[in-house]
N, C-alpha and C. Protein backbone atom coordinates (compact mmCIF):
# COMPACT_ATOMS: atom_id res chain seq x y z
N MET A 1 -29.77 13.99 -35.71
CA MET A 1 -28.78 14.89 -35.40
C MET A 1 -29.52 15.97 -34.23
N ILE A 2 -28.77 16.14 -33.37
CA ILE A 2 -29.22 17.14 -32.22
C ILE A 2 -28.22 18.38 -32.22
N ASP A 3 -28.68 19.50 -32.27
CA ASP A 3 -27.76 20.62 -32.07
C ASP A 3 -27.41 21.00 -30.82
N ILE A 4 -28.21 21.07 -29.86
CA ILE A 4 -27.89 21.40 -28.32
C ILE A 4 -28.70 20.24 -27.47
N TRP A 5 -27.87 19.89 -26.59
CA TRP A 5 -28.52 18.86 -25.70
C TRP A 5 -28.44 19.37 -24.25
N LEU A 6 -29.32 19.49 -23.60
CA LEU A 6 -29.40 19.92 -22.18
C LEU A 6 -29.44 18.69 -21.34
N LEU A 7 -28.55 18.64 -20.14
CA LEU A 7 -28.39 17.45 -19.45
C LEU A 7 -29.33 17.55 -18.44
N GLY A 8 -29.62 16.38 -17.92
CA GLY A 8 -30.43 16.24 -16.75
C GLY A 8 -29.65 16.49 -15.42
N TYR A 9 -30.29 16.73 -14.32
CA TYR A 9 -29.68 16.99 -12.99
C TYR A 9 -28.54 16.26 -12.55
N GLU A 10 -28.76 14.78 -12.51
CA GLU A 10 -27.77 13.85 -12.16
C GLU A 10 -26.46 13.96 -13.16
N GLU A 11 -26.83 14.01 -14.53
CA GLU A 11 -25.73 14.11 -15.43
C GLU A 11 -25.00 15.49 -15.29
N VAL A 12 -25.71 16.57 -14.97
CA VAL A 12 -24.99 17.86 -14.78
C VAL A 12 -23.92 17.62 -13.63
N LEU A 13 -24.34 16.98 -12.44
CA LEU A 13 -23.47 16.95 -11.47
C LEU A 13 -22.31 15.93 -11.76
N ARG A 14 -22.51 14.83 -12.41
CA ARG A 14 -21.45 13.90 -12.85
C ARG A 14 -20.56 14.53 -13.63
N GLU A 15 -21.02 15.26 -14.69
CA GLU A 15 -20.21 15.97 -15.66
C GLU A 15 -19.28 17.02 -14.84
N ASN A 16 -19.78 17.74 -13.97
CA ASN A 16 -19.07 18.94 -13.44
C ASN A 16 -18.02 18.19 -12.20
N LYS A 17 -18.42 17.04 -11.72
CA LYS A 17 -17.62 16.36 -10.86
C LYS A 17 -16.33 15.86 -11.57
N TYR A 18 -16.59 15.45 -12.89
CA TYR A 18 -15.38 14.93 -13.66
C TYR A 18 -14.56 15.98 -13.84
N LEU A 19 -15.09 17.12 -14.30
CA LEU A 19 -14.35 18.31 -14.57
C LEU A 19 -13.50 18.81 -13.51
N ALA A 20 -14.20 18.78 -12.15
CA ALA A 20 -13.36 19.16 -11.09
C ALA A 20 -12.17 18.25 -10.64
N ALA A 21 -12.29 16.86 -11.03
CA ALA A 21 -11.35 15.89 -10.74
C ALA A 21 -10.33 15.91 -11.80
N ASN A 22 -10.57 16.36 -12.99
CA ASN A 22 -9.55 16.22 -14.19
C ASN A 22 -9.16 17.43 -14.70
N TYR A 23 -9.96 18.44 -14.64
CA TYR A 23 -9.53 19.78 -15.18
C TYR A 23 -9.85 20.83 -14.20
N SER A 24 -9.25 20.85 -13.00
CA SER A 24 -9.65 21.73 -11.71
C SER A 24 -9.65 23.23 -12.37
N GLN A 25 -8.69 23.66 -13.13
CA GLN A 25 -8.82 25.15 -13.54
C GLN A 25 -10.03 25.42 -14.36
N LEU A 26 -10.36 24.59 -15.30
CA LEU A 26 -11.48 24.69 -16.13
C LEU A 26 -12.79 24.75 -15.38
N ALA A 27 -12.81 23.85 -14.23
CA ALA A 27 -13.98 23.67 -13.45
C ALA A 27 -14.32 24.90 -12.62
N ASP A 28 -13.38 25.72 -12.29
CA ASP A 28 -13.33 26.88 -11.57
C ASP A 28 -13.97 27.94 -12.36
N GLN A 29 -13.98 27.91 -13.84
CA GLN A 29 -14.48 29.09 -14.65
C GLN A 29 -15.84 28.38 -15.33
N VAL A 30 -16.06 27.32 -15.46
CA VAL A 30 -17.40 26.79 -16.15
C VAL A 30 -18.31 25.87 -15.25
N TRP A 31 -19.42 26.05 -15.53
CA TRP A 31 -20.59 25.01 -14.96
C TRP A 31 -21.29 24.25 -16.34
N MET A 32 -21.00 23.23 -16.53
CA MET A 32 -21.64 22.39 -17.63
C MET A 32 -22.98 22.15 -17.32
N ILE A 33 -24.04 22.49 -18.29
CA ILE A 33 -25.36 22.31 -18.33
C ILE A 33 -25.83 21.41 -19.53
N GLY A 34 -24.98 21.42 -20.61
CA GLY A 34 -25.34 20.74 -21.76
C GLY A 34 -24.07 20.70 -22.58
N CYS A 35 -24.41 20.28 -23.88
CA CYS A 35 -23.40 19.97 -24.92
C CYS A 35 -23.82 20.48 -26.19
N SER A 36 -23.08 20.79 -27.15
CA SER A 36 -23.71 21.12 -28.74
C SER A 36 -22.83 20.42 -29.60
N GLY A 37 -23.36 20.34 -30.85
CA GLY A 37 -22.66 19.49 -31.85
C GLY A 37 -23.48 18.25 -32.06
N ARG A 38 -22.91 17.39 -32.98
CA ARG A 38 -23.61 16.33 -33.48
C ARG A 38 -23.59 15.12 -32.46
N ILE A 39 -24.63 14.57 -32.10
CA ILE A 39 -24.73 13.33 -30.94
C ILE A 39 -25.32 12.28 -31.77
N ILE A 40 -24.72 11.17 -31.83
CA ILE A 40 -25.24 9.91 -32.47
C ILE A 40 -25.55 9.04 -31.26
N LYS A 41 -26.71 8.64 -31.13
CA LYS A 41 -27.16 7.68 -30.17
C LYS A 41 -27.66 6.40 -30.58
């Protein structure tokens, strides 16, 4: 179980590009650098 997961540089760019393409209003307000919660790999 991981509580906080920081993304790598390429993953940050990919996630924020996805936000900009699909959720433009949200992308104008946030910059994703990680995620929280339970991650199962």
